[in-house]
Amino acid sequence: MHRVAVLAQDDVVGIELATAVQVFEIANFKRGAPAYRVGVVGSREWAPSAALTGPPSFSVRAEHDWSWADGADTVVVPATGGSLDPPPARVRDLLLAAHERGARVASLCVGAFTVAATGLMDGRPATTHWHFADEFARRFPAVRLETDRLFTGQDGVYSAAGVTAALDLCLHLVELDLGAGVAAATARYLVAPMRREGGQSQFIDYRPPARPDELAATLRWAEEHLAEDLTLADLARHAAMSPRTFSRRFAAGVGTTPVHWLLRTRVRRAKELLEVTDLPVDRIAREVGFRSPSTFRHHFGRFTRTTPREYRRSFSGGRG
């Protein structure tokens, strides 16, 4: 069973701690069988919650001591009132050991300062609360800070920008583990969207890890013409490059091949249409550029581990 350790340090932000616990536990419930064992980890003494003004309004007592996290598959680091300070040695060592053995490390809000202080974010993308972004960039110049992202993830190191983005990130981790169907059912139970409105993407694969200036216009153009039979030659022509040069620069700047990115983008758009429209699945397949329903189902399953109809059904509460 996948073990999730949520750290409860002094001055922990209670809503972030509770968000992580609830998302994974509700995922167990909606799956119909436990997939996660979730535990709150700390000193096992009463830890005051963070307070912006005045004394703390409540305290938290961890269910497990720090050693429980030694076997965790995912370690979640909520923000604390002291997140901008260097982390205690036990927390630093816990996070480094977790990543070394292949566990995921996920920071929430300014919990990113704690993880960045270990060096785990060096050379990787990260985000944090906008109010503290300049300070983060000053302290950790080796981290690729992406302030326009709700959350990021690379090589098992994840970060969420704030309180509600913490919910987004936890749902994304559920999708990675259990598939889009369970994640959508969990989101619906929480009365939360699977996709953030307002132009901000929830899922990491909604946007490439980088958009070099020389490719940005072509990526936007491709997203606006998904229904067309786009080829590598079409993309290269739009970018005014040879296919070989385009492929090389795309891989260097975006981190994947043009074909893989295009498939991923088509599936992402299909998810949006399944969530917010009643269009028939075959029509959606055509709208996002798949020429046959069977090809659409194949690639949708590759990226989501569920079928288009199951995805829509779980998101709509079984109505379709």
C-alpha atoms as a PDB file:
ATOM      1  CA  MET A   1       0.000   0.000   0.000  1.00  0.00           C
ATOM      2  CA  HIS A   2       1.248   3.481  -0.909  1.00  0.00           C
ATOM      3  CA  ARG A   3       2.253   5.316   2.283  1.00  0.00           C
ATOM      4  CA  VAL A   4       1.692   9.095   2.417  1.00  0.00           C
ATOM      5  CA  ALA A   5       3.423  11.008   5.225  1.00  0.00           C
ATOM      6  CA  VAL A   6       2.152  14.545   5.862  1.00  0.00           C
ATOM      7  CA  LEU A   7       4.547  16.567   8.012  1.00  0.00           C
ATOM      8  CA  ALA A   8       3.144  18.442  11.019  1.00  0.00           C
ATOM      9  CA  GLN A   9       5.862  20.816  12.131  1.00  0.00           C
ATOM     10  CA  ASP A  10       5.362  23.623  14.644  1.00  0.00           C
ATOM     11  CA  ASP A  11       3.201  26.445  13.260  1.00  0.00           C
ATOM     12  CA  VAL A  12       1.847  24.207  10.500  1.00  0.00           C
ATOM     13  CA  VAL A  13      -0.806  25.715   8.229  1.00  0.00           C
ATOM     14  CA  GLY A  14      -3.757  23.577   9.246  1.00  0.00           C
ATOM     15  CA  ILE A  15      -5.772  23.845   6.043  1.00  0.00           C
ATOM     16  CA  GLU A  16      -2.865  22.546   3.964  1.00  0.00           C
ATOM     17  CA  LEU A  17      -2.232  19.631   6.295  1.00  0.00           C
ATOM     18  CA  ALA A  18      -5.931  18.735   6.255  1.00  0.00           C
ATOM     19  CA  THR A  19      -6.168  19.110   2.466  1.00  0.00           C
ATOM     20  CA  ALA A  20      -3.446  16.544   1.853  1.00  0.00           C
ATOM     21  CA  VAL A  21      -4.904  14.076   4.339  1.00  0.00           C
ATOM     22  CA  GLN A  22      -8.443  14.414   3.020  1.00  0.00           C
ATOM     23  CA  VAL A  23      -7.649  14.100  -0.694  1.00  0.00           C
ATOM     24  CA  PHE A  24      -5.790  10.815  -0.297  1.00  0.00           C
ATOM     25  CA  GLU A  25      -8.308   9.381   2.169  1.00  0.00           C
ATOM     26  CA  ILE A  26     -11.264  10.324  -0.039  1.00  0.00           C
ATOM     27  CA  ALA A  27      -9.462   8.737  -2.986  1.00  0.00           C
ATOM     28  CA  ASN A  28      -9.427   5.507  -0.957  1.00  0.00           C
ATOM     29  CA  PHE A  29     -13.164   5.848  -0.394  1.00  0.00           C
ATOM     30  CA  LYS A  30     -14.038   6.599  -4.021  1.00  0.00           C
ATOM     31  CA  ARG A  31     -11.815   3.795  -5.272  1.00  0.00           C
ATOM     32  CA  GLY A  32     -13.733   1.332  -3.128  1.00  0.00           C
ATOM     33  CA  ALA A  33     -10.565  -0.202  -1.688  1.00  0.00           C
ATOM     34  CA  PRO A  34      -7.625   1.335   0.167  1.00  0.00           C
ATOM     35  CA  ALA A  35      -4.691   2.347  -2.000  1.00  0.00           C
ATOM     36  CA  TYR A  36      -3.119   4.817   0.438  1.00  0.00           C
ATOM     37  CA  ARG A  37      -2.106   4.644   4.057  1.00  0.00           C
ATOM     38  CA  VAL A  38      -2.065   8.269   5.199  1.00  0.00           C
ATOM     39  CA  GLY A  39      -0.318   9.424   8.350  1.00  0.00           C
ATOM     40  CA  VAL A  40       0.409  12.766  10.000  1.00  0.00           C
ATOM     41  CA  VAL A  41       4.037  12.796  11.130  1.00  0.00           C
ATOM     42  CA  GLY A  42       5.713  14.956  13.760  1.00  0.00           C
ATOM     43  CA  SER A  43       7.073  15.109  17.282  1.00  0.00           C
ATOM     44  CA  ARG A  44       3.811  13.660  18.688  1.00  0.00           C
ATOM     45  CA  GLU A  45       3.520  16.704  20.922  1.00  0.00           C
ATOM     46  CA  TRP A  46       0.876  19.370  20.444  1.00  0.00           C
ATOM     47  CA  ALA A  47       2.112  21.691  17.689  1.00  0.00           C
ATOM     48  CA  PRO A  48       0.531  25.155  17.429  1.00  0.00           C
ATOM     49  CA  SER A  49      -1.009  26.085  14.104  1.00  0.00           C
ATOM     50  CA  ALA A  50       0.195  29.043  12.082  1.00  0.00           C
ATOM     51  CA  ALA A  51      -1.507  32.369  12.755  1.00  0.00           C
ATOM     52  CA  LEU A  52      -1.107  35.581  10.771  1.00  0.00           C
ATOM     53  CA  THR A  53      -2.102  37.715  13.760  1.00  0.00           C
ATOM     54  CA  GLY A  54      -2.392  36.933  17.446  1.00  0.00           C
ATOM     55  CA  PRO A  55      -1.912  33.567  19.123  1.00  0.00           C
ATOM     56  CA  PRO A  56      -2.628  30.240  17.383  1.00  0.00           C
ATOM     57  CA  SER A  57      -6.301  29.281  17.339  1.00  0.00           C
ATOM     58  CA  PHE A  58      -5.686  25.541  17.562  1.00  0.00           C
ATOM     59  CA  SER A  59      -2.961  22.911  17.870  1.00  0.00           C
ATOM     60  CA  VAL A  60      -2.205  19.691  16.013  1.00  0.00           C
ATOM     61  CA  ARG A  61      -0.905  16.439  17.470  1.00  0.00           C
ATOM     62  CA  ALA A  62       0.783  14.085  15.016  1.00  0.00           C
ATOM     63  CA  GLU A  63      -0.427  10.507  14.893  1.00  0.00           C
ATOM     64  CA  HIS A  64       3.084   9.186  14.171  1.00  0.00           C
ATOM     65  CA  ASP A  65       6.612  10.180  15.107  1.00  0.00           C
ATOM     66  CA  TRP A  66       9.164  11.181  12.484  1.00  0.00           C
ATOM     67  CA  SER A  67      10.353   7.618  11.911  1.00  0.00           C
ATOM     68  CA  TRP A  68       6.997   6.692  10.315  1.00  0.00           C
ATOM     69  CA  ALA A  69       8.044   8.698   7.271  1.00  0.00           C
ATOM     70  CA  ASP A  70      11.079   6.466   6.742  1.00  0.00           C
ATOM     71  CA  GLY A  71       8.931   4.061   4.728  1.00  0.00           C
ATOM     72  CA  ALA A  72       6.775   6.675   2.994  1.00  0.00           C
ATOM     73  CA  ASP A  73       6.256   6.643  -0.770  1.00  0.00           C
ATOM     74  CA  THR A  74       5.076  10.266  -0.764  1.00  0.00           C
ATOM     75  CA  VAL A  75       6.125  12.956   1.723  1.00  0.00           C
ATOM     76  CA  VAL A  76       3.976  16.099   1.807  1.00  0.00           C
ATOM     77  CA  VAL A  77       5.444  19.296   3.276  1.00  0.00           C
ATOM     78  CA  PRO A  78       2.726  21.818   4.205  1.00  0.00           C
ATOM     79  CA  ALA A  79       3.666  25.413   4.895  1.00  0.00           C
ATOM     80  CA  THR A  80       4.473  26.527   8.416  1.00  0.00           C
ATOM     81  CA  GLY A  81       4.910  29.869  10.080  1.00  0.00           C
ATOM     82  CA  GLY A  82       8.639  29.157  10.042  1.00  0.00           C
ATOM     83  CA  SER A  83       8.955  27.836   6.498  1.00  0.00           C
ATOM     84  CA  LEU A  84      11.262  30.681   5.496  1.00  0.00           C
ATOM     85  CA  ASP A  85      13.746  29.618   8.186  1.00  0.00           C
ATOM     86  CA  PRO A  86      16.265  26.801   7.561  1.00  0.00           C
ATOM     87  CA  PRO A  87      14.548  23.455   8.197  1.00  0.00           C
ATOM     88  CA  PRO A  88      15.439  21.403  11.282  1.00  0.00           C
ATOM     89  CA  ALA A  89      18.074  18.756  10.624  1.00  0.00           C
ATOM     90  CA  ARG A  90      15.579  15.932  11.136  1.00  0.00           C
ATOM     91  CA  VAL A  91      13.267  17.339   8.445  1.00  0.00           C
ATOM     92  CA  ARG A  92      16.131  17.988   6.027  1.00  0.00           C
ATOM     93  CA  ASP A  93      17.496  14.466   6.494  1.00  0.00           C
ATOM     94  CA  LEU A  94      14.009  12.948   6.179  1.00  0.00           C
ATOM     95  CA  LEU A  95      13.396  14.671   2.834  1.00  0.00           C
ATOM     96  CA  LEU A  96      16.803  13.807   1.410  1.00  0.00           C
ATOM     97  CA  ALA A  97      16.433  10.169   2.433  1.00  0.00           C
ATOM     98  CA  ALA A  98      12.926  10.012   0.968  1.00  0.00           C
ATOM     99  CA  HIS A  99      14.047  11.284  -2.417  1.00  0.00           C
ATOM    100  CA  GLU A 100      17.118   9.056  -2.398  1.00  0.00           C
ATOM    101  CA  ARG A 101      14.979   5.932  -2.051  1.00  0.00           C
ATOM    102  CA  GLY A 102      12.627   7.064  -4.824  1.00  0.00           C
ATOM    103  CA  ALA A 103       9.768   8.560  -2.807  1.00  0.00           C
ATOM    104  CA  ARG A 104       7.916  11.655  -4.012  1.00  0.00           C
ATOM    105  CA  VAL A 105       8.432  14.914  -2.128  1.00  0.00           C
ATOM    106  CA  ALA A 106       5.636  17.483  -2.477  1.00  0.00           C
ATOM    107  CA  SER A 107       5.708  20.980  -0.982  1.00  0.00           C
ATOM    108  CA  LEU A 108       2.621  23.104  -0.438  1.00  0.00           C
ATOM    109  CA  CYS A 109       2.746  26.905  -0.596  1.00  0.00           C
ATOM    110  CA  VAL A 110       5.858  28.204   1.229  1.00  0.00           C
ATOM    111  CA  GLY A 111       6.715  24.655   2.185  1.00  0.00           C
ATOM    112  CA  ALA A 112       8.775  25.033  -1.005  1.00  0.00           C
ATOM    113  CA  PHE A 113      11.350  26.953   1.049  1.00  0.00           C
ATOM    114  CA  THR A 114      11.826  23.883   3.250  1.00  0.00           C
ATOM    115  CA  VAL A 115      12.332  21.553   0.293  1.00  0.00           C
ATOM    116  CA  ALA A 116      14.502  24.010  -1.653  1.00  0.00           C
ATOM    117  CA  ALA A 117      16.809  24.376   1.351  1.00  0.00           C
ATOM    118  CA  THR A 118      17.719  20.695   0.982  1.00  0.00           C
ATOM    119  CA  GLY A 119      18.902  21.194  -2.611  1.00  0.00           C
ATOM    120  CA  LEU A 120      16.256  18.845  -4.011  1.00  0.00           C
ATOM    121  CA  MET A 121      14.765  21.583  -6.189  1.00  0.00           C
ATOM    122  CA  ASP A 122      18.059  22.672  -7.756  1.00  0.00           C
ATOM    123  CA  GLY A 123      17.781  22.541 -11.534  1.00  0.00           C
ATOM    124  CA  ARG A 124      14.108  21.622 -11.332  1.00  0.00           C
ATOM    125  CA  PRO A 125      10.928  23.695 -11.758  1.00  0.00           C
ATOM    126  CA  ALA A 126       9.165  24.879  -8.627  1.00  0.00           C
ATOM    127  CA  THR A 127       6.482  27.291  -7.563  1.00  0.00           C
ATOM    128  CA  THR A 128       5.467  28.918  -4.307  1.00  0.00           C
ATOM    129  CA  HIS A 129       3.095  31.577  -2.994  1.00  0.00           C
ATOM    130  CA  TRP A 130       3.318  34.712  -5.130  1.00  0.00           C
ATOM    131  CA  HIS A 131       3.849  36.934  -2.079  1.00  0.00           C
ATOM    132  CA  PHE A 132       7.148  35.190  -1.331  1.00  0.00           C
ATOM    133  CA  ALA A 133       8.307  34.532  -4.907  1.00  0.00           C
ATOM    134  CA  ASP A 134      10.964  37.271  -5.011  1.00  0.00           C
ATOM    135  CA  GLU A 135      12.471  36.095  -1.736  1.00  0.00           C
ATOM    136  CA  PHE A 136      12.462  32.508  -2.971  1.00  0.00           C
ATOM    137  CA  ALA A 137      14.223  33.484  -6.200  1.00  0.00           C
ATOM    138  CA  ARG A 138      16.850  35.446  -4.269  1.00  0.00           C
ATOM    139  CA  ARG A 139      17.596  32.577  -1.887  1.00  0.00           C
ATOM    140  CA  PHE A 140      17.483  29.721  -4.366  1.00  0.00           C
ATOM    141  CA  PRO A 141      18.831  30.908  -7.739  1.00  0.00           C
ATOM    142  CA  ALA A 142      19.516  27.311  -8.833  1.00  0.00           C
ATOM    143  CA  VAL A 143      15.777  26.522  -8.758  1.00  0.00           C
ATOM    144  CA  ARG A 144      13.697  27.199 -11.889  1.00  0.00           C
ATOM    145  CA  LEU A 145      10.980  29.264 -10.223  1.00  0.00           C
ATOM    146  CA  GLU A 146       7.749  29.334 -12.269  1.00  0.00           C
ATOM    147  CA  THR A 147       5.435  31.785 -10.555  1.00  0.00           C
ATOM    148  CA  ASP A 148       2.714  31.478 -13.197  1.00  0.00           C
ATOM    149  CA  ARG A 149       2.168  27.798 -12.442  1.00  0.00           C
ATOM    150  CA  LEU A 150      -0.352  26.374 -10.010  1.00  0.00           C
ATOM    151  CA  PHE A 151       1.982  23.478  -9.391  1.00  0.00           C
ATOM    152  CA  THR A 152       5.047  21.793 -10.835  1.00  0.00           C
ATOM    153  CA  GLY A 153       6.704  18.413 -10.790  1.00  0.00           C
ATOM    154  CA  GLN A 154       9.864  16.810 -12.083  1.00  0.00           C
ATOM    155  CA  ASP A 155      11.941  13.815 -11.002  1.00  0.00           C
ATOM    156  CA  GLY A 156       9.681  13.131  -8.046  1.00  0.00           C
ATOM    157  CA  VAL A 157       9.883  16.675  -6.613  1.00  0.00           C
ATOM    158  CA  TYR A 158       6.554  18.538  -6.669  1.00  0.00           C
ATOM    159  CA  SER A 159       5.387  21.949  -5.471  1.00  0.00           C
ATOM    160  CA  ALA A 160       2.056  23.779  -5.225  1.00  0.00           C
ATOM    161  CA  ALA A 161       1.651  27.547  -5.233  1.00  0.00           C
ATOM    162  CA  GLY A 162      -0.849  27.992  -2.416  1.00  0.00           C
ATOM    163  CA  VAL A 163      -3.728  26.575  -0.420  1.00  0.00           C
ATOM    164  CA  THR A 164      -6.125  25.785  -3.263  1.00  0.00           C
ATOM    165  CA  ALA A 165      -3.260  24.765  -5.538  1.00  0.00           C
ATOM    166  CA  ALA A 166      -2.398  22.197  -2.862  1.00  0.00           C
ATOM    167  CA  LEU A 167      -5.739  20.566  -3.615  1.00  0.00           C
ATOM    168  CA  ASP A 168      -4.925  20.630  -7.328  1.00  0.00           C
ATOM    169  CA  LEU A 169      -1.555  18.990  -6.782  1.00  0.00           C
ATOM    170  CA  CYS A 170      -2.902  16.265  -4.504  1.00  0.00           C
ATOM    171  CA  LEU A 171      -5.594  15.430  -7.071  1.00  0.00           C
ATOM    172  CA  HIS A 172      -2.909  15.245  -9.736  1.00  0.00           C
ATOM    173  CA  LEU A 173      -0.900  12.786  -7.636  1.00  0.00           C
ATOM    174  CA  VAL A 174      -4.039  10.672  -7.220  1.00  0.00           C
ATOM    175  CA  GLU A 175      -4.471  10.689 -10.993  1.00  0.00           C
ATOM    176  CA  LEU A 176      -0.877   9.543 -11.468  1.00  0.00           C
ATOM    177  CA  ASP A 177      -1.399   6.680  -9.019  1.00  0.00           C
ATOM    178  CA  LEU A 178      -4.983   5.577  -9.602  1.00  0.00           C
ATOM    179  CA  GLY A 179      -6.032   7.065 -12.927  1.00  0.00           C
ATOM    180  CA  ALA A 180      -8.225   9.945 -14.048  1.00  0.00           C
ATOM    181  CA  GLY A 181     -11.458   8.204 -13.068  1.00  0.00           C
ATOM    182  CA  VAL A 182     -10.641   7.989  -9.360  1.00  0.00           C
ATOM    183  CA  ALA A 183      -9.170  11.501  -9.400  1.00  0.00           C
ATOM    184  CA  ALA A 184     -12.325  12.910 -11.017  1.00  0.00           C
ATOM    185  CA  ALA A 185     -14.562  11.088  -8.539  1.00  0.00           C
ATOM    186  CA  THR A 186     -12.454  12.437  -5.672  1.00  0.00           C
ATOM    187  CA  ALA A 187     -12.692  15.974  -7.045  1.00  0.00           C
ATOM    188  CA  ARG A 188     -16.440  15.731  -7.411  1.00  0.00           C
ATOM    189  CA  TYR A 189     -16.831  14.440  -3.838  1.00  0.00           C
ATOM    190  CA  LEU A 190     -14.846  17.473  -2.691  1.00  0.00           C
ATOM    191  CA  VAL A 191     -17.010  19.730  -4.911  1.00  0.00           C
ATOM    192  CA  ALA A 192     -13.799  20.778  -6.626  1.00  0.00           C
ATOM    193  CA  PRO A 193     -13.010  21.101 -10.335  1.00  0.00           C
ATOM    194  CA  MET A 194     -10.671  18.669 -12.029  1.00  0.00           C
ATOM    195  CA  ARG A 195      -9.440  21.642 -14.060  1.00  0.00           C
ATOM    196  CA  ARG A 196      -8.888  25.164 -12.730  1.00  0.00           C
ATOM    197  CA  GLU A 197     -10.759  27.874 -14.596  1.00  0.00           C
ATOM    198  CA  GLY A 198      -9.385  31.263 -15.573  1.00  0.00           C
ATOM    199  CA  GLY A 199      -6.614  30.137 -17.861  1.00  0.00           C
ATOM    200  CA  GLN A 200      -4.626  28.376 -15.167  1.00  0.00           C
ATOM    201  CA  SER A 201      -3.947  24.705 -15.747  1.00  0.00           C
ATOM    202  CA  GLN A 202      -4.400  22.171 -13.015  1.00  0.00           C
ATOM    203  CA  PHE A 203      -2.534  19.237 -14.455  1.00  0.00           C
ATOM    204  CA  ILE A 204       1.176  19.447 -15.030  1.00  0.00           C
ATOM    205  CA  ASP A 205       0.816  18.150 -18.561  1.00  0.00           C
ATOM    206  CA  TYR A 206      -1.523  21.026 -19.488  1.00  0.00           C
ATOM    207  CA  ARG A 207       1.534  23.102 -20.289  1.00  0.00           C
ATOM    208  CA  PRO A 208       5.004  22.098 -21.446  1.00  0.00           C
ATOM    209  CA  PRO A 209       7.752  22.476 -18.817  1.00  0.00           C
ATOM    210  CA  ALA A 210       9.122  25.357 -20.851  1.00  0.00           C
ATOM    211  CA  ARG A 211       7.986  27.553 -23.716  1.00  0.00           C
ATOM    212  CA  PRO A 212      11.046  28.991 -25.396  1.00  0.00           C
ATOM    213  CA  ASP A 213      10.279  32.273 -27.144  1.00  0.00           C
ATOM    214  CA  GLU A 214      11.142  30.786 -30.531  1.00  0.00           C
ATOM    215  CA  LEU A 215       8.519  28.041 -30.069  1.00  0.00           C
ATOM    216  CA  ALA A 216       5.793  29.787 -28.056  1.00  0.00           C
ATOM    217  CA  ALA A 217       3.868  31.087 -31.071  1.00  0.00           C
ATOM    218  CA  THR A 218       3.927  27.683 -32.752  1.00  0.00           C
ATOM    219  CA  LEU A 219       2.700  25.917 -29.612  1.00  0.00           C
ATOM    220  CA  ARG A 220      -0.193  28.365 -29.311  1.00  0.00           C
ATOM    221  CA  TRP A 221      -0.994  27.944 -33.008  1.00  0.00           C
ATOM    222  CA  ALA A 222      -1.013  24.154 -32.691  1.00  0.00           C
ATOM    223  CA  GLU A 223      -3.336  24.327 -29.664  1.00  0.00           C
ATOM    224  CA  GLU A 224      -5.740  26.449 -31.722  1.00  0.00           C
ATOM    225  CA  HIS A 225      -5.684  24.004 -34.674  1.00  0.00           C
ATOM    226  CA  LEU A 226      -5.911  20.635 -32.933  1.00  0.00           C
ATOM    227  CA  ALA A 227      -8.788  19.507 -35.160  1.00  0.00           C
ATOM    228  CA  GLU A 228      -6.501  19.646 -38.175  1.00  0.00           C
ATOM    229  CA  ASP A 229      -4.230  16.822 -39.292  1.00  0.00           C
ATOM    230  CA  LEU A 230      -1.064  18.447 -37.960  1.00  0.00           C
ATOM    231  CA  THR A 231       2.301  16.926 -38.811  1.00  0.00           C
ATOM    232  CA  LEU A 232       5.875  17.585 -37.767  1.00  0.00           C
ATOM    233  CA  ALA A 233       6.361  19.328 -41.107  1.00  0.00           C
ATOM    234  CA  ASP A 234       3.405  21.646 -40.376  1.00  0.00           C
ATOM    235  CA  LEU A 235       4.816  22.633 -36.984  1.00  0.00           C
ATOM    236  CA  ALA A 236       8.304  23.157 -38.371  1.00  0.00           C
ATOM    237  CA  ARG A 237       6.946  25.243 -41.246  1.00  0.00           C
ATOM    238  CA  HIS A 238       5.044  27.482 -38.829  1.00  0.00           C
ATOM    239  CA  ALA A 239       8.212  27.972 -36.779  1.00  0.00           C
ATOM    240  CA  ALA A 240      10.209  28.694 -39.966  1.00  0.00           C
ATOM    241  CA  MET A 241      12.619  25.834 -39.284  1.00  0.00           C
ATOM    242  CA  SER A 242      13.543  22.589 -40.920  1.00  0.00           C
ATOM    243  CA  PRO A 243      11.867  19.533 -39.344  1.00  0.00           C
ATOM    244  CA  ARG A 244      15.225  18.354 -38.011  1.00  0.00           C
ATOM    245  CA  THR A 245      16.093  21.694 -36.410  1.00  0.00           C
ATOM    246  CA  PHE A 246      12.573  22.064 -35.027  1.00  0.00           C
ATOM    247  CA  SER A 247      12.662  18.595 -33.445  1.00  0.00           C
ATOM    248  CA  ARG A 248      16.043  19.269 -31.851  1.00  0.00           C
ATOM    249  CA  ARG A 249      15.052  22.655 -30.417  1.00  0.00           C
ATOM    250  CA  PHE A 250      11.659  21.347 -29.318  1.00  0.00           C
ATOM    251  CA  ALA A 251      13.239  18.486 -27.378  1.00  0.00           C
ATOM    252  CA  ALA A 252      15.767  20.832 -25.775  1.00  0.00           C
ATOM    253  CA  GLY A 253      13.211  23.485 -24.837  1.00  0.00           C
ATOM    254  CA  VAL A 254      10.053  21.517 -24.070  1.00  0.00           C
ATOM    255  CA  GLY A 255      11.528  18.252 -22.877  1.00  0.00           C
ATOM    256  CA  THR A 256       9.672  15.857 -25.162  1.00  0.00           C
ATOM    257  CA  THR A 257       9.100  15.194 -28.865  1.00  0.00           C
ATOM    258  CA  PRO A 258       6.654  17.238 -30.955  1.00  0.00           C
ATOM    259  CA  VAL A 259       4.529  14.143 -31.633  1.00  0.00           C
ATOM    260  CA  HIS A 260       4.278  13.220 -27.943  1.00  0.00           C
ATOM    261  CA  TRP A 261       3.433  16.808 -26.984  1.00  0.00           C
ATOM    262  CA  LEU A 262       0.740  16.968 -29.664  1.00  0.00           C
ATOM    263  CA  LEU A 263      -0.870  13.721 -28.476  1.00  0.00           C
ATOM    264  CA  ARG A 264      -0.767  14.890 -24.867  1.00  0.00           C
ATOM    265  CA  THR A 265      -2.291  18.247 -25.779  1.00  0.00           C
ATOM    266  CA  ARG A 266      -5.086  16.570 -27.746  1.00  0.00           C
ATOM    267  CA  VAL A 267      -5.927  14.326 -24.805  1.00  0.00           C
ATOM    268  CA  ARG A 268      -5.879  17.300 -22.441  1.00  0.00           C
ATOM    269  CA  ARG A 269      -8.336  19.167 -24.679  1.00  0.00           C
ATOM    270  CA  ALA A 270     -10.514  16.063 -24.894  1.00  0.00           C
ATOM    271  CA  LYS A 271     -10.660  15.969 -21.084  1.00  0.00           C
ATOM    272  CA  GLU A 272     -11.921  19.543 -21.041  1.00  0.00           C
ATOM    273  CA  LEU A 273     -14.656  18.755 -23.563  1.00  0.00           C
ATOM    274  CA  LEU A 274     -15.692  15.630 -21.656  1.00  0.00           C
ATOM    275  CA  GLU A 275     -15.939  17.658 -18.457  1.00  0.00           C
ATOM    276  CA  VAL A 276     -17.916  20.656 -19.686  1.00  0.00           C
ATOM    277  CA  THR A 277     -19.872  19.554 -22.781  1.00  0.00           C
ATOM    278  CA  ASP A 278     -22.348  16.850 -23.771  1.00  0.00           C
ATOM    279  CA  LEU A 279     -20.727  16.287 -27.160  1.00  0.00           C
ATOM    280  CA  PRO A 280     -20.653  12.628 -28.248  1.00  0.00           C
ATOM    281  CA  VAL A 281     -17.301  10.951 -27.676  1.00  0.00           C
ATOM    282  CA  ASP A 282     -16.808  10.354 -31.408  1.00  0.00           C
ATOM    283  CA  ARG A 283     -17.381  14.058 -32.083  1.00  0.00           C
ATOM    284  CA  ILE A 284     -14.856  14.993 -29.403  1.00  0.00           C
ATOM    285  CA  ALA A 285     -12.338  12.656 -31.034  1.00  0.00           C
ATOM    286  CA  ARG A 286     -12.680  14.615 -34.284  1.00  0.00           C
ATOM    287  CA  GLU A 287     -12.629  17.992 -32.527  1.00  0.00           C
ATOM    288  CA  VAL A 288      -9.218  17.272 -31.009  1.00  0.00           C
ATOM    289  CA  GLY A 289      -7.698  15.772 -34.136  1.00  0.00           C
ATOM    290  CA  PHE A 290      -8.089  12.005 -33.859  1.00  0.00           C
ATOM    291  CA  ARG A 291      -9.300  10.543 -37.135  1.00  0.00           C
ATOM    292  CA  SER A 292     -10.865   7.404 -35.654  1.00  0.00           C
ATOM    293  CA  PRO A 293     -12.640   6.660 -32.348  1.00  0.00           C
ATOM    294  CA  SER A 294     -10.410   3.642 -31.747  1.00  0.00           C
ATOM    295  CA  THR A 295      -7.244   5.734 -32.077  1.00  0.00           C
ATOM    296  CA  PHE A 296      -8.736   8.297 -29.705  1.00  0.00           C
ATOM    297  CA  ARG A 297      -9.601   5.651 -27.103  1.00  0.00           C
ATOM    298  CA  HIS A 298      -6.129   4.139 -27.381  1.00  0.00           C
ATOM    299  CA  HIS A 299      -4.274   7.384 -26.732  1.00  0.00           C
ATOM    300  CA  PHE A 300      -6.770   8.604 -24.128  1.00  0.00           C
ATOM    301  CA  GLY A 301      -6.189   5.371 -22.221  1.00  0.00           C
ATOM    302  CA  ARG A 302      -2.409   5.746 -22.508  1.00  0.00           C
ATOM    303  CA  PHE A 303      -2.443   9.139 -20.828  1.00  0.00           C
ATOM    304  CA  THR A 304      -5.310   8.732 -18.345  1.00  0.00           C
ATOM    305  CA  ARG A 305      -5.618   5.000 -17.636  1.00  0.00           C
ATOM    306  CA  THR A 306      -9.357   5.135 -18.217  1.00  0.00           C
ATOM    307  CA  THR A 307     -11.770   5.389 -21.143  1.00  0.00           C
ATOM    308  CA  PRO A 308     -13.398   8.617 -22.349  1.00  0.00           C
ATOM    309  CA  ARG A 309     -16.841   7.404 -21.240  1.00  0.00           C
ATOM    310  CA  GLU A 310     -15.611   6.349 -17.799  1.00  0.00           C
ATOM    311  CA  TYR A 311     -13.857   9.684 -17.390  1.00  0.00           C
ATOM    312  CA  ARG A 312     -17.039  11.581 -18.240  1.00  0.00           C
ATOM    313  CA  ARG A 313     -19.171   9.296 -16.042  1.00  0.00           C
ATOM    314  CA  SER A 314     -16.973   9.737 -12.976  1.00  0.00           C
ATOM    315  CA  PHE A 315     -16.822  13.484 -13.478  1.00  0.00           C
ATOM    316  CA  SER A 316     -20.576  13.812 -13.941  1.00  0.00           C
ATOM    317  CA  GLY A 317     -21.496  11.530 -11.058  1.00  0.00           C
ATOM    318  CA  GLY A 318     -22.665   8.662 -13.235  1.00  0.00           C
ATOM    319  CA  ARG A 319     -25.084  10.637 -15.394  1.00  0.00           C
ATOM    320  CA  GLY A 320     -23.438   9.835 -18.739  1.00  0.00           C
END
